[in-house]
PDB file of N, CA and C in Angstrom:
ATOM      1  N   MET A   1     161.970 183.585 105.813  1.00  0.00           N
ATOM      2  CA  MET A   1     161.336 184.064 104.606  1.00  0.00           C
ATOM      3  C   MET A   1     159.954 183.187 104.915  1.00  0.00           C
ATOM      4  N   LYS A   2     158.853 183.821 104.472  1.00  0.00           N
ATOM      5  CA  LYS A   2     157.302 183.346 104.498  1.00  0.00           C
ATOM      6  C   LYS A   2     156.661 183.656 103.346  1.00  0.00           C
ATOM      7  N   LEU A   3     155.904 182.645 102.919  1.00  0.00           N
ATOM      8  CA  LEU A   3     155.043 182.880 101.806  1.00  0.00           C
ATOM      9  C   LEU A   3     153.554 182.899 102.384  1.00  0.00           C
ATOM     10  N   ILE A   4     152.811 183.877 101.904  1.00  0.00           N
ATOM     11  CA  ILE A   4     151.462 183.928 102.703  1.00  0.00           C
ATOM     12  C   ILE A   4     150.577 184.010 101.422  1.00  0.00           C
ATOM     13  N   TYR A   5     149.629 182.946 101.508  1.00  0.00           N
ATOM     14  CA  TYR A   5     148.551 182.562 100.398  1.00  0.00           C
ATOM     15  C   TYR A   5     147.269 183.513 101.229  1.00  0.00           C
ATOM     16  N   VAL A   6     146.754 184.494 100.654  1.00  0.00           N
ATOM     17  CA  VAL A   6     145.375 185.047 101.207  1.00  0.00           C
ATOM     18  C   VAL A   6     144.503 185.007 100.203  1.00  0.00           C
ATOM     19  N   ILE A   7     143.310 184.422 100.598  1.00  0.00           N
ATOM     20  CA  ILE A   7     142.093 183.937  99.633  1.00  0.00           C
ATOM     21  C   ILE A   7     140.924 184.982 100.367  1.00  0.00           C
ATOM     22  N   VAL A   8     140.668 185.977  99.248  1.00  0.00           N
ATOM     23  CA  VAL A   8     139.421 186.635  99.528  1.00  0.00           C
ATOM     24  C   VAL A   8     138.663 186.950  98.325  1.00  0.00           C
ATOM     25  N   ARG A   9     137.431 187.294  98.745  1.00  0.00           N
ATOM     26  CA  ARG A   9     136.508 187.261  97.674  1.00  0.00           C
ATOM     27  C   ARG A   9     136.830 188.881  96.723  1.00  0.00           C
ATOM     28  N   ASN A  10     136.480 188.474  95.592  1.00  0.00           N
ATOM     29  CA  ASN A  10     136.901 189.531  94.449  1.00  0.00           C
ATOM     30  C   ASN A  10     136.655 190.950  95.115  1.00  0.00           C
ATOM     31  N   VAL A  11     135.564 191.017  95.592  1.00  0.00           N
ATOM     32  CA  VAL A  11     135.044 192.620  95.711  1.00  0.00           C
ATOM     33  C   VAL A  11     136.014 193.078  97.248  1.00  0.00           C
ATOM     34  N   ASP A  12     136.428 192.188  97.584  1.00  0.00           N
ATOM     35  CA  ASP A  12     137.591 192.575  98.797  1.00  0.00           C
ATOM     36  C   ASP A  12     138.910 192.785  98.441  1.00  0.00           C
ATOM     37  N   SER A  13     139.392 192.175  97.320  1.00  0.00           N
ATOM     38  CA  SER A  13     140.656 192.268  96.770  1.00  0.00           C
ATOM     39  C   SER A  13     141.168 193.268  96.566  1.00  0.00           C
ATOM     40  N   SER A  14     140.545 194.601  96.265  1.00  0.00           N
ATOM     41  CA  SER A  14     141.606 195.525  95.610  1.00  0.00           C
ATOM     42  C   SER A  14     141.714 196.785  97.256  1.00  0.00           C
ATOM     43  N   ARG A  15     140.923 196.570  98.007  1.00  0.00           N
ATOM     44  CA  ARG A  15     141.033 197.190  99.482  1.00  0.00           C
ATOM     45  C   ARG A  15     142.193 196.284  99.869  1.00  0.00           C
ATOM     46  N   VAL A  16     142.004 194.941  99.947  1.00  0.00           N
ATOM     47  CA  VAL A  16     143.065 194.243 100.629  1.00  0.00           C
ATOM     48  C   VAL A  16     144.679 194.603  99.945  1.00  0.00           C
ATOM     49  N   MET A  17     144.743 194.670  98.839  1.00  0.00           N
ATOM     50  CA  MET A  17     146.087 195.002  98.064  1.00  0.00           C
ATOM     51  C   MET A  17     146.513 196.335  98.310  1.00  0.00           C
ATOM     52  N   ASP A  18     145.592 197.378  98.037  1.00  0.00           N
ATOM     53  CA  ASP A  18     145.982 198.634  98.466  1.00  0.00           C
ATOM     54  C   ASP A  18     146.429 198.738  99.892  1.00  0.00           C
ATOM     55  N   GLY A  19     145.529 198.263 100.967  1.00  0.00           N
ATOM     56  CA  GLY A  19     146.040 198.175 102.363  1.00  0.00           C
ATOM     57  C   GLY A  19     147.537 197.713 102.470  1.00  0.00           C
ATOM     58  N   LEU A  20     147.802 196.417 101.797  1.00  0.00           N
ATOM     59  CA  LEU A  20     149.186 195.751 102.101  1.00  0.00           C
ATOM     60  C   LEU A  20     150.085 196.727 101.275  1.00  0.00           C
ATOM     61  N   ASN A  21     149.955 197.478  99.773  1.00  0.00           N
ATOM     62  CA  ASN A  21     150.966 197.933  99.285  1.00  0.00           C
ATOM     63  C   ASN A  21     151.268 199.134 100.223  1.00  0.00           C
ATOM     64  N   LYS A  22     150.345 199.896 101.094  1.00  0.00           N
ATOM     65  CA  LYS A  22     150.479 200.878 101.684  1.00  0.00           C
ATOM     66  C   LYS A  22     151.529 200.604 102.771  1.00  0.00           C
ATOM     67  N   GLN A  23     151.504 199.635 103.021  1.00  0.00           N
ATOM     68  CA  GLN A  23     152.234 199.347 104.493  1.00  0.00           C
ATOM     69  C   GLN A  23     153.828 198.433 103.687  1.00  0.00           C
ATOM     70  N   GLY A  24     153.944 198.671 102.529  1.00  0.00           N
ATOM     71  CA  GLY A  24     155.109 198.533 101.909  1.00  0.00           C
ATOM     72  C   GLY A  24     155.233 196.881 101.499  1.00  0.00           C
ATOM     73  N   PHE A  25     153.993 196.168 101.466  1.00  0.00           N
ATOM     74  CA  PHE A  25     154.270 194.551 100.923  1.00  0.00           C
ATOM     75  C   PHE A  25     153.936 194.694  99.625  1.00  0.00           C
ATOM     76  N   TYR A  26     154.718 193.754  98.964  1.00  0.00           N
ATOM     77  CA  TYR A  26     154.345 193.371  97.235  1.00  0.00           C
ATOM     78  C   TYR A  26     153.475 192.465  97.340  1.00  0.00           C
ATOM     79  N   VAL A  27     152.317 192.738  96.374  1.00  0.00           N
ATOM     80  CA  VAL A  27     151.369 191.319  96.246  1.00  0.00           C
ATOM     81  C   VAL A  27     151.363 190.718  94.720  1.00  0.00           C
ATOM     82  N   THR A  28     151.289 189.705  94.582  1.00  0.00           N
ATOM     83  CA  THR A  28     150.816 189.087  93.489  1.00  0.00           C
ATOM     84  C   THR A  28     149.299 188.556  93.601  1.00  0.00           C
ATOM     85  N   LYS A  29     148.792 188.816  92.372  1.00  0.00           N
ATOM     86  CA  LYS A  29     147.098 188.534  92.329  1.00  0.00           C
ATOM     87  C   LYS A  29     146.729 187.240  91.616  1.00  0.00           C
ATOM     88  N   LEU A  30     146.280 186.358  92.256  1.00  0.00           N
ATOM     89  CA  LEU A  30     145.678 185.263  90.950  1.00  0.00           C
ATOM     90  C   LEU A  30     144.338 185.276  90.856  1.00  0.00           C
ATOM     91  N   ALA A  31     143.520 185.185  89.944  1.00  0.00           N
ATOM     92  CA  ALA A  31     142.127 184.901  89.830  1.00  0.00           C
ATOM     93  C   ALA A  31     142.046 183.306  90.247  1.00  0.00           C
ATOM     94  N   SER A  32     141.227 182.920  91.014  1.00  0.00           N
ATOM     95  CA  SER A  32     140.531 181.782  91.612  1.00  0.00           C
ATOM     96  C   SER A  32     139.097 181.916  91.666  1.00  0.00           C
ATOM     97  N   THR A  33     138.535 180.612  91.943  1.00  0.00           N
ATOM     98  CA  THR A  33     137.044 180.153  92.083  1.00  0.00           C
ATOM     99  C   THR A  33     136.912 179.206  93.218  1.00  0.00           C
ATOM    100  N   GLY A  34     135.590 179.394  93.720  1.00  0.00           N
ATOM    101  CA  GLY A  34     135.108 178.497  94.883  1.00  0.00           C
ATOM    102  C   GLY A  34     134.607 179.382  95.776  1.00  0.00           C
ATOM    103  N   GLY A  35     133.901 178.504  96.990  1.00  0.00           N
ATOM    104  CA  GLY A  35     133.412 179.673  97.623  1.00  0.00           C
ATOM    105  C   GLY A  35     131.667 179.389  97.897  1.00  0.00           C
ATOM    106  N   PHE A  36     131.081 179.565  99.061  1.00  0.00           N
ATOM    107  CA  PHE A  36     129.871 179.119  99.402  1.00  0.00           C
ATOM    108  C   PHE A  36     128.859 179.855  98.493  1.00  0.00           C
ATOM    109  N   LEU A  37     129.127 181.184  98.155  1.00  0.00           N
ATOM    110  CA  LEU A  37     128.003 181.621  97.077  1.00  0.00           C
ATOM    111  C   LEU A  37     128.534 181.860  95.768  1.00  0.00           C
ATOM    112  N   ARG A  38     129.514 181.030  95.425  1.00  0.00           N
ATOM    113  CA  ARG A  38     129.669 180.490  94.032  1.00  0.00           C
ATOM    114  C   ARG A  38     130.209 181.920  93.339  1.00  0.00           C
ATOM    115  N   GLU A  39     130.645 183.070  93.996  1.00  0.00           N
ATOM    116  CA  GLU A  39     131.399 184.221  93.308  1.00  0.00           C
ATOM    117  C   GLU A  39     132.997 183.839  92.913  1.00  0.00           C
ATOM    118  N   GLY A  40     133.415 184.619  92.408  1.00  0.00           N
ATOM    119  CA  GLY A  40     134.887 184.820  92.375  1.00  0.00           C
ATOM    120  C   GLY A  40     135.841 185.356  93.552  1.00  0.00           C
ATOM    121  N   ASN A  41     136.508 184.501  93.529  1.00  0.00           N
ATOM    122  CA  ASN A  41     137.590 184.594  94.468  1.00  0.00           C
ATOM    123  C   ASN A  41     139.034 185.345  93.971  1.00  0.00           C
ATOM    124  N   THR A  42     140.025 185.810  94.752  1.00  0.00           N
ATOM    125  CA  THR A  42     141.121 186.161  94.473  1.00  0.00           C
ATOM    126  C   THR A  42     142.240 185.649  95.289  1.00  0.00           C
ATOM    127  N   THR A  43     143.447 185.095  95.100  1.00  0.00           N
ATOM    128  CA  THR A  43     144.065 184.525  95.597  1.00  0.00           C
ATOM    129  C   THR A  43     145.525 185.760  95.558  1.00  0.00           C
ATOM    130  N   LEU A  44     145.894 186.195  96.778  1.00  0.00           N
ATOM    131  CA  LEU A  44     147.101 187.120  96.917  1.00  0.00           C
ATOM    132  C   LEU A  44     148.305 186.012  97.288  1.00  0.00           C
ATOM    133  N   MET A  45     149.400 186.366  97.065  1.00  0.00           N
ATOM    134  CA  MET A  45     150.778 185.903  97.536  1.00  0.00           C
ATOM    135  C   MET A  45     151.213 187.254  97.742  1.00  0.00           C
ATOM    136  N   ILE A  46     151.958 186.776  99.075  1.00  0.00           N
ATOM    137  CA  ILE A  46     152.817 187.838  99.756  1.00  0.00           C
ATOM    138  C   ILE A  46     153.985 187.042 100.212  1.00  0.00           C
ATOM    139  N   GLY A  47     155.081 187.324  99.695  1.00  0.00           N
ATOM    140  CA  GLY A  47     156.856 187.033 100.605  1.00  0.00           C
ATOM    141  C   GLY A  47     156.957 187.958 101.343  1.00  0.00           C
ATOM    142  N   THR A  48     157.357 187.641 102.750  1.00  0.00           N
ATOM    143  CA  THR A  48     158.009 188.584 103.719  1.00  0.00           C
ATOM    144  C   THR A  48     158.691 187.966 104.548  1.00  0.00           C
ATOM    145  N   ASP A  49     159.370 188.729 105.510  1.00  0.00           N
ATOM    146  CA  ASP A  49     160.279 188.036 106.502  1.00  0.00           C
ATOM    147  C   ASP A  49     159.157 187.541 107.324  1.00  0.00           C
ATOM    148  N   GLU A  50     160.012 186.668 108.189  1.00  0.00           N
ATOM    149  CA  GLU A  50     158.918 185.940 109.065  1.00  0.00           C
ATOM    150  C   GLU A  50     158.306 187.067 110.446  1.00  0.00           C
ATOM    151  N   GLU A  51     159.134 187.985 110.510  1.00  0.00           N
ATOM    152  CA  GLU A  51     158.654 188.808 111.607  1.00  0.00           C
ATOM    153  C   GLU A  51     157.581 189.915 111.227  1.00  0.00           C
ATOM    154  N   LYS A  52     157.257 189.673 109.992  1.00  0.00           N
ATOM    155  CA  LYS A  52     156.409 190.704 109.264  1.00  0.00           C
ATOM    156  C   LYS A  52     155.020 190.027 108.833  1.00  0.00           C
ATOM    157  N   VAL A  53     154.918 188.320 109.378  1.00  0.00           N
ATOM    158  CA  VAL A  53     153.343 188.032 108.829  1.00  0.00           C
ATOM    159  C   VAL A  53     152.325 188.078 109.586  1.00  0.00           C
ATOM    160  N   GLU A  54     152.404 188.769 110.958  1.00  0.00           N
ATOM    161  CA  GLU A  54     151.322 189.170 111.630  1.00  0.00           C
ATOM    162  C   GLU A  54     151.053 190.501 111.236  1.00  0.00           C
ATOM    163  N   GLU A  55     151.757 191.510 110.887  1.00  0.00           N
ATOM    164  CA  GLU A  55     151.288 192.684 109.882  1.00  0.00           C
ATOM    165  C   GLU A  55     150.451 192.454 108.850  1.00  0.00           C
ATOM    166  N   VAL A  56     151.125 191.472 108.119  1.00  0.00           N
ATOM    167  CA  VAL A  56     150.046 191.087 107.031  1.00  0.00           C
ATOM    168  C   VAL A  56     148.565 190.644 107.297  1.00  0.00           C
ATOM    169  N   ILE A  57     148.596 189.960 108.394  1.00  0.00           N
ATOM    170  CA  ILE A  57     147.417 189.266 108.692  1.00  0.00           C
ATOM    171  C   ILE A  57     146.481 190.483 109.072  1.00  0.00           C
ATOM    172  N   SER A  58     147.014 191.148 110.033  1.00  0.00           N
ATOM    173  CA  SER A  58     146.523 192.165 110.606  1.00  0.00           C
ATOM    174  C   SER A  58     145.949 193.139 109.383  1.00  0.00           C
ATOM    175  N   VAL A  59     146.564 193.664 108.659  1.00  0.00           N
ATOM    176  CA  VAL A  59     145.757 194.210 107.422  1.00  0.00           C
ATOM    177  C   VAL A  59     144.838 194.006 106.680  1.00  0.00           C
ATOM    178  N   VAL A  60     144.981 192.245 106.241  1.00  0.00           N
ATOM    179  CA  VAL A  60     143.862 191.530 106.037  1.00  0.00           C
ATOM    180  C   VAL A  60     142.676 191.795 106.648  1.00  0.00           C
ATOM    181  N   LYS A  61     142.579 191.426 108.009  1.00  0.00           N
ATOM    182  CA  LYS A  61     141.783 191.177 108.780  1.00  0.00           C
ATOM    183  C   LYS A  61     140.666 192.381 109.172  1.00  0.00           C
ATOM    184  N   LYS A  62     141.710 193.753 108.656  1.00  0.00           N
ATOM    185  CA  LYS A  62     141.195 195.188 108.622  1.00  0.00           C
ATOM    186  C   LYS A  62     140.290 195.530 107.604  1.00  0.00           C
ATOM    187  N   GLU A  63     141.101 194.900 106.433  1.00  0.00           N
ATOM    188  CA  GLU A  63     140.139 195.560 104.996  1.00  0.00           C
ATOM    189  C   GLU A  63     139.299 194.315 104.551  1.00  0.00           C
ATOM    190  N   CYS A  64     139.207 193.258 105.073  1.00  0.00           N
ATOM    191  CA  CYS A  64     138.034 192.426 104.574  1.00  0.00           C
ATOM    192  C   CYS A  64     137.451 191.450 105.721  1.00  0.00           C
ATOM    193  N   GLY A  65     137.218 192.336 106.903  1.00  0.00           N
ATOM    194  CA  GLY A  65     136.632 191.254 107.946  1.00  0.00           C
ATOM    195  C   GLY A  65     135.085 190.706 107.430  1.00  0.00           C
ATOM    196  N   PRO A  66     134.807 189.837 108.262  1.00  0.00           N
ATOM    197  CA  PRO A  66     133.631 189.063 107.988  1.00  0.00           C
ATOM    198  C   PRO A  66     132.309 190.100 108.176  1.00  0.00           C
ATOM    199  N   ARG A  67     131.314 189.917 107.281  1.00  0.00           N
ATOM    200  CA  ARG A  67     129.904 190.706 107.391  1.00  0.00           C
ATOM    201  C   ARG A  67     128.987 189.802 107.028  1.00  0.00           C
ATOM    202  N   GLN A  68     127.733 190.729 107.260  1.00  0.00           N
ATOM    203  CA  GLN A  68     126.397 189.909 106.610  1.00  0.00           C
ATOM    204  C   GLN A  68     126.104 190.412 105.360  1.00  0.00           C
ATOM    205  N   GLN A  69     125.440 189.714 104.364  1.00  0.00           N
ATOM    206  CA  GLN A  69     124.855 189.847 103.339  1.00  0.00           C
ATOM    207  C   GLN A  69     123.521 189.053 103.226  1.00  0.00           C
ATOM    208  N   ILE A  70     122.466 189.486 102.338  1.00  0.00           N
ATOM    209  CA  ILE A  70     121.069 189.205 102.473  1.00  0.00           C
ATOM    210  C   ILE A  70     121.336 188.294 101.083  1.00  0.00           C
ATOM    211  N   ILE A  71     120.977 187.105 100.538  1.00  0.00           N
ATOM    212  CA  ILE A  71     120.803 186.457  99.617  1.00  0.00           C
ATOM    213  C   ILE A  71     119.423 186.296  99.188  1.00  0.00           C
ATOM    214  N   SER A  72     119.150 185.658  97.972  1.00  0.00           N
ATOM    215  CA  SER A  72     117.895 185.276  97.905  1.00  0.00           C
ATOM    216  C   SER A  72     118.025 183.778  97.797  1.00  0.00           C
ATOM    217  N   ASN A  73     116.846 182.943  98.199  1.00  0.00           N
ATOM    218  CA  ASN A  73     116.993 181.342  98.349  1.00  0.00           C
ATOM    219  C   ASN A  73     115.690 180.908  97.891  1.00  0.00           C
ATOM    220  N   PRO A  74     116.057 180.781  97.026  1.00  0.00           N
ATOM    221  CA  PRO A  74     114.439 180.014  96.156  1.00  0.00           C
ATOM    222  C   PRO A  74     113.822 178.932  96.941  1.00  0.00           C
ATOM    223  N   VAL A  75     112.517 178.964  97.271  1.00  0.00           N
ATOM    224  CA  VAL A  75     111.681 178.085  97.997  1.00  0.00           C
ATOM    225  C   VAL A  75     110.817 177.211  97.540  1.00  0.00           C
ATOM    226  N   GLY A  76     110.655 177.097  96.027  1.00  0.00           N
ATOM    227  CA  GLY A  76     109.979 176.638  95.754  1.00  0.00           C
ATOM    228  C   GLY A  76     109.535 176.731  93.791  1.00  0.00           C
ATOM    229  N   PRO A  77     108.786 176.343  93.528  1.00  0.00           N
ATOM    230  CA  PRO A  77     108.709 176.584  91.917  1.00  0.00           C
ATOM    231  C   PRO A  77     108.635 177.991  91.775  1.00  0.00           C
ATOM    232  N   ALA A  78     108.880 178.197  89.929  1.00  0.00           N
ATOM    233  CA  ALA A  78     109.139 179.462  89.770  1.00  0.00           C
ATOM    234  C   ALA A  78     108.409 180.679  90.208  1.00  0.00           C
ATOM    235  N   GLU A  79     107.066 180.205  90.348  1.00  0.00           N
ATOM    236  CA  GLU A  79     105.881 181.152  90.664  1.00  0.00           C
ATOM    237  C   GLU A  79     105.781 181.696  91.978  1.00  0.00           C
ATOM    238  N   TYR A  80     106.688 181.192  92.701  1.00  0.00           N
ATOM    239  CA  TYR A  80     106.816 181.254  94.145  1.00  0.00           C
ATOM    240  C   TYR A  80     107.972 182.666  94.201  1.00  0.00           C
ATOM    241  N   THR A  81     107.844 183.019  95.032  1.00  0.00           N
ATOM    242  CA  THR A  81     108.794 184.116  95.361  1.00  0.00           C
ATOM    243  C   THR A  81     109.916 183.863  96.200  1.00  0.00           C
ATOM    244  N   SER A  82     110.992 184.025  96.178  1.00  0.00           N
ATOM    245  CA  SER A  82     112.272 183.609  96.990  1.00  0.00           C
ATOM    246  C   SER A  82     112.137 184.158  98.248  1.00  0.00           C
ATOM    247  N   MET A  83     112.670 183.618  99.132  1.00  0.00           N
ATOM    248  CA  MET A  83     113.163 183.964 100.837  1.00  0.00           C
ATOM    249  C   MET A  83     114.449 184.484 100.669  1.00  0.00           C
ATOM    250  N   GLN A  84     114.592 185.404 101.397  1.00  0.00           N
ATOM    251  CA  GLN A  84     115.916 186.416 101.451  1.00  0.00           C
ATOM    252  C   GLN A  84     116.485 185.817 102.912  1.00  0.00           C
ATOM    253  N   VAL A  85     117.818 185.389 102.748  1.00  0.00           N
ATOM    254  CA  VAL A  85     118.358 184.923 103.779  1.00  0.00           C
ATOM    255  C   VAL A  85     119.443 185.808 104.046  1.00  0.00           C
ATOM    256  N   LEU A  86     120.103 185.823 105.415  1.00  0.00           N
ATOM    257  CA  LEU A  86     120.958 186.459 105.861  1.00  0.00           C
ATOM    258  C   LEU A  86     122.291 185.687 106.024  1.00  0.00           C
ATOM    259  N   VAL A  87     123.407 185.675 105.413  1.00  0.00           N
ATOM    260  CA  VAL A  87     124.265 184.952 105.511  1.00  0.00           C
ATOM    261  C   VAL A  87     125.869 185.596 105.964  1.00  0.00           C
ATOM    262  N   ASN A  88     126.657 185.179 106.546  1.00  0.00           N
ATOM    263  CA  ASN A  88     128.002 185.899 106.878  1.00  0.00           C
ATOM    264  C   ASN A  88     129.010 185.697 105.638  1.00  0.00           C
ATOM    265  N   VAL A  89     129.461 186.645 105.249  1.00  0.00           N
ATOM    266  CA  VAL A  89     130.329 186.766 103.775  1.00  0.00           C
ATOM    267  C   VAL A  89     131.626 187.593 104.373  1.00  0.00           C
ATOM    268  N   GLY A  90     132.824 187.356 103.704  1.00  0.00           N
ATOM    269  CA  GLY A  90     133.968 188.310 103.769  1.00  0.00           C
ATOM    270  C   GLY A  90     134.760 187.189 104.436  1.00  0.00           C
ATOM    271  N   GLY A  91     135.815 188.070 104.841  1.00  0.00           N
ATOM    272  CA  GLY A  91     136.439 187.419 105.786  1.00  0.00           C
ATOM    273  C   GLY A  91     137.855 186.834 104.929  1.00  0.00           C
ATOM    274  N   ALA A  92     138.597 186.137 105.028  1.00  0.00           N
ATOM    275  CA  ALA A  92     139.729 185.588 104.476  1.00  0.00           C
ATOM    276  C   ALA A  92     140.133 184.260 104.620  1.00  0.00           C
ATOM    277  N   THR A  93     141.100 183.284 103.853  1.00  0.00           N
ATOM    278  CA  THR A  93     141.392 182.197 104.360  1.00  0.00           C
ATOM    279  C   THR A  93     142.793 182.271 103.926  1.00  0.00           C
ATOM    280  N   ILE A  94     144.028 182.148 105.034  1.00  0.00           N
ATOM    281  CA  ILE A  94     145.167 182.634 104.897  1.00  0.00           C
ATOM    282  C   ILE A  94     146.262 181.360 105.313  1.00  0.00           C
ATOM    283  N   PHE A  95     147.027 180.978 104.368  1.00  0.00           N
ATOM    284  CA  PHE A  95     148.097 179.837 104.578  1.00  0.00           C
ATOM    285  C   PHE A  95     149.221 180.607 104.678  1.00  0.00           C
ATOM    286  N   VAL A  96     150.338 180.304 105.515  1.00  0.00           N
ATOM    287  CA  VAL A  96     151.490 180.668 105.716  1.00  0.00           C
ATOM    288  C   VAL A  96     152.633 179.804 105.581  1.00  0.00           C
ATOM    289  N   MET A  97     153.537 179.829 104.681  1.00  0.00           N
ATOM    290  CA  MET A  97     154.251 178.542 104.271  1.00  0.00           C
ATOM    291  C   MET A  97     155.827 178.881 104.320  1.00  0.00           C
ATOM    292  N   ASP A  98     156.605 178.291 104.940  1.00  0.00           N
ATOM    293  CA  ASP A  98     158.244 178.461 104.877  1.00  0.00           C
ATOM    294  C   ASP A  98     158.713 178.384 103.422  1.00  0.00           C
ATOM    295  N   VAL A  99     159.538 179.446 103.187  1.00  0.00           N
ATOM    296  CA  VAL A  99     160.394 179.388 101.801  1.00  0.00           C
ATOM    297  C   VAL A  99     161.707 179.163 101.983  1.00  0.00           C
ATOM    298  N   ASP A 100     162.264 177.616 101.355  1.00  0.00           N
ATOM    299  CA  ASP A 100     163.652 177.490 101.492  1.00  0.00           C
ATOM    300  C   ASP A 100     164.569 178.250 100.647  1.00  0.00           C
ATOM    301  N   ARG A 101     164.115 179.190  99.588  1.00  0.00           N
ATOM    302  CA  ARG A 101     165.099 179.885  98.751  1.00  0.00           C
ATOM    303  C   ARG A 101     164.483 181.069  98.300  1.00  0.00           C
ATOM    304  N   PHE A 102     164.716 182.143  98.232  1.00  0.00           N
ATOM    305  CA  PHE A 102     163.902 183.523  97.576  1.00  0.00           C
ATOM    306  C   PHE A 102     165.361 184.164  96.827  1.00  0.00           C
ATOM    307  N   GLU A 103     164.944 184.410  95.742  1.00  0.00           N
ATOM    308  CA  GLU A 103     165.899 185.082  94.667  1.00  0.00           C
ATOM    309  C   GLU A 103     165.177 186.063  93.768  1.00  0.00           C
ATOM    310  N   LYS A 104     165.390 187.143  93.589  1.00  0.00           N
ATOM    311  CA  LYS A 104     164.936 188.416  92.888  1.00  0.00           C
ATOM    312  C   LYS A 104     165.814 188.873  91.924  1.00  0.00           C
ATOM    313  N   ILE A 105     165.222 188.451  90.576  1.00  0.00           N
ATOM    314  CA  ILE A 105     166.158 188.632  89.409  1.00  0.00           C
ATOM    315  C   ILE A 105     165.783 189.827  88.666  1.00  0.00           C
TER     316      ILE A 105
END
């Protein structure tokens, strides 16, 4: 048995959860913070058999793969306009851990 933690941007979390649910995976959603753009994150917890770990990771890659976004980057005092910068966003951070014991009550 494995426990998978998947950390995604809030804007990607619904798509990832829907994709995992359609494949028969149960997901627990936790609010979390952090990240380069200081936007909210979502941490998803998925318990599954070891042989299904790659299937979970495949769904996550499909639903929230990396992409580019334009952000404003201030270049001086307030009277100056900001410069727009293209940054890579999206993707996920995934941790896979062994589960010693699992009980569903």
